[in-house]
Amino acid sequence: MEARFRMSDPVHGLAGIAETLSKQLDNHTSELAFVNKQIQFHRRHSVARSDEAKGASSSELKAVQSPSLEEDGSSILTDIEQFQ
């Protein structure tokens, strides 16, 4: 096998091919790490946006909460009329 690679690359032979593959592996490993960091960033960003949306909808719900059982029915009618 070494003889075959020595014919295709007489200066470096098999060692040159191994070095080239090692460099490619290092490059791809670095690229994979970068892509994984991007994925983590976008996941955190989407979770934060989803939490913001949930926070807005829960605050909207708090503003429209029905009155407690201790309150009289007149406040319920006022709330209903407000949305009509």
C-alpha atoms as a PDB file:
ATOM      1  CA  MET A   1       0.000   0.000   0.000  1.00  0.00           C
ATOM      2  CA  GLU A   2       2.837   2.396   0.863  1.00  0.00           C
ATOM      3  CA  ALA A   3       4.341   1.749  -2.586  1.00  0.00           C
ATOM      4  CA  ARG A   4       1.054   2.675  -4.291  1.00  0.00           C
ATOM      5  CA  PHE A   5       0.801   5.967  -2.369  1.00  0.00           C
ATOM      6  CA  ARG A   6       4.497   6.638  -2.944  1.00  0.00           C
ATOM      7  CA  MET A   7       3.796   6.437  -6.710  1.00  0.00           C
ATOM      8  CA  SER A   8       0.942   8.964  -6.490  1.00  0.00           C
ATOM      9  CA  ASP A   9       2.893  11.286  -4.153  1.00  0.00           C
ATOM     10  CA  PRO A  10       6.624  10.518  -4.334  1.00  0.00           C
ATOM     11  CA  VAL A  11       7.641  13.127  -1.750  1.00  0.00           C
ATOM     12  CA  HIS A  12       5.222  12.413   1.111  1.00  0.00           C
ATOM     13  CA  GLY A  13       3.662   9.054   0.278  1.00  0.00           C
ATOM     14  CA  LEU A  14       1.300   7.564   2.843  1.00  0.00           C
ATOM     15  CA  ALA A  15       2.455   9.990   5.559  1.00  0.00           C
ATOM     16  CA  GLY A  16       1.380  12.943   3.390  1.00  0.00           C
ATOM     17  CA  ILE A  17      -2.062  11.445   2.872  1.00  0.00           C
ATOM     18  CA  ALA A  18      -2.406  10.745   6.607  1.00  0.00           C
ATOM     19  CA  GLU A  19      -1.413  14.321   7.377  1.00  0.00           C
ATOM     20  CA  THR A  20      -3.918  15.682   4.849  1.00  0.00           C
ATOM     21  CA  LEU A  21      -6.685  13.525   6.317  1.00  0.00           C
ATOM     22  CA  SER A  22      -5.726  14.606   9.821  1.00  0.00           C
ATOM     23  CA  LYS A  23      -5.978  18.281   8.823  1.00  0.00           C
ATOM     24  CA  GLN A  24      -9.355  17.646   7.190  1.00  0.00           C
ATOM     25  CA  LEU A  25     -10.547  15.885  10.347  1.00  0.00           C
ATOM     26  CA  ASP A  26      -9.413  18.846  12.478  1.00  0.00           C
ATOM     27  CA  ASN A  27     -11.193  21.281  10.154  1.00  0.00           C
ATOM     28  CA  HIS A  28     -14.404  19.268  10.202  1.00  0.00           C
ATOM     29  CA  THR A  29     -14.238  18.908  13.993  1.00  0.00           C
ATOM     30  CA  SER A  30     -13.889  22.679  14.357  1.00  0.00           C
ATOM     31  CA  GLU A  31     -16.751  23.242  11.939  1.00  0.00           C
ATOM     32  CA  LEU A  32     -18.945  20.771  13.845  1.00  0.00           C
ATOM     33  CA  ALA A  33     -18.194  22.555  17.135  1.00  0.00           C
ATOM     34  CA  PHE A  34     -19.118  25.886  15.539  1.00  0.00           C
ATOM     35  CA  VAL A  35     -22.389  24.501  14.151  1.00  0.00           C
ATOM     36  CA  ASN A  36     -23.261  22.971  17.538  1.00  0.00           C
ATOM     37  CA  LYS A  37     -22.710  26.380  19.182  1.00  0.00           C
ATOM     38  CA  GLN A  38     -25.017  27.961  16.608  1.00  0.00           C
ATOM     39  CA  ILE A  39     -27.676  25.320  17.289  1.00  0.00           C
ATOM     40  CA  GLN A  40     -27.433  25.955  21.040  1.00  0.00           C
ATOM     41  CA  PHE A  41     -27.707  29.701  20.476  1.00  0.00           C
ATOM     42  CA  HIS A  42     -30.807  29.341  18.305  1.00  0.00           C
ATOM     43  CA  ARG A  43     -32.414  26.876  20.725  1.00  0.00           C
ATOM     44  CA  ARG A  44     -31.878  29.293  23.614  1.00  0.00           C
ATOM     45  CA  HIS A  45     -33.162  32.164  21.496  1.00  0.00           C
ATOM     46  CA  SER A  46     -36.293  30.266  20.472  1.00  0.00           C
ATOM     47  CA  VAL A  47     -36.950  29.228  24.086  1.00  0.00           C
ATOM     48  CA  ALA A  48     -36.556  32.840  25.206  1.00  0.00           C
ATOM     49  CA  ARG A  49     -38.956  34.016  22.499  1.00  0.00           C
ATOM     50  CA  SER A  50     -41.405  31.279  23.425  1.00  0.00           C
ATOM     51  CA  ASP A  51     -41.148  32.283  27.107  1.00  0.00           C
ATOM     52  CA  GLU A  52     -41.764  35.917  26.151  1.00  0.00           C
ATOM     53  CA  ALA A  53     -44.832  34.892  24.194  1.00  0.00           C
ATOM     54  CA  LYS A  54     -46.074  32.810  27.102  1.00  0.00           C
ATOM     55  CA  GLY A  55     -45.383  35.703  29.470  1.00  0.00           C
ATOM     56  CA  ALA A  56     -47.409  38.075  27.299  1.00  0.00           C
ATOM     57  CA  SER A  57     -50.316  35.682  27.025  1.00  0.00           C
ATOM     58  CA  SER A  58     -50.307  34.971  30.771  1.00  0.00           C
ATOM     59  CA  SER A  59     -50.237  38.699  31.574  1.00  0.00           C
ATOM     60  CA  GLU A  60     -53.133  39.196  29.174  1.00  0.00           C
ATOM     61  CA  LEU A  61     -54.972  36.403  30.961  1.00  0.00           C
ATOM     62  CA  LYS A  62     -54.283  38.016  34.349  1.00  0.00           C
ATOM     63  CA  ALA A  63     -55.839  41.237  33.100  1.00  0.00           C
ATOM     64  CA  VAL A  64     -58.982  39.356  32.049  1.00  0.00           C
ATOM     65  CA  GLN A  65     -59.287  37.032  35.039  1.00  0.00           C
ATOM     66  CA  SER A  66     -62.764  36.367  36.276  1.00  0.00           C
ATOM     67  CA  PRO A  67     -63.647  37.797  39.672  1.00  0.00           C
ATOM     68  CA  SER A  68     -63.461  35.625  42.764  1.00  0.00           C
ATOM     69  CA  LEU A  69     -66.529  34.034  44.280  1.00  0.00           C
ATOM     70  CA  GLU A  70     -66.508  36.623  47.050  1.00  0.00           C
ATOM     71  CA  GLU A  71     -67.268  39.459  44.619  1.00  0.00           C
ATOM     72  CA  ASP A  72     -70.810  40.264  43.603  1.00  0.00           C
ATOM     73  CA  GLY A  73     -72.160  39.592  40.130  1.00  0.00           C
ATOM     74  CA  SER A  74     -72.100  43.245  39.077  1.00  0.00           C
ATOM     75  CA  SER A  75     -68.356  43.170  38.462  1.00  0.00           C
ATOM     76  CA  ILE A  76     -68.830  40.171  36.149  1.00  0.00           C
ATOM     77  CA  LEU A  77     -71.339  42.116  34.073  1.00  0.00           C
ATOM     78  CA  THR A  78     -68.967  45.090  33.897  1.00  0.00           C
ATOM     79  CA  ASP A  79     -66.173  42.830  32.638  1.00  0.00           C
ATOM     80  CA  ILE A  80     -68.454  41.263  30.009  1.00  0.00           C
ATOM     81  CA  GLU A  81     -69.691  44.644  28.790  1.00  0.00           C
ATOM     82  CA  GLN A  82     -66.109  45.836  28.487  1.00  0.00           C
ATOM     83  CA  PHE A  83     -65.324  43.192  25.853  1.00  0.00           C
ATOM     84  CA  GLN A  84     -68.472  43.607  23.783  1.00  0.00           C
END
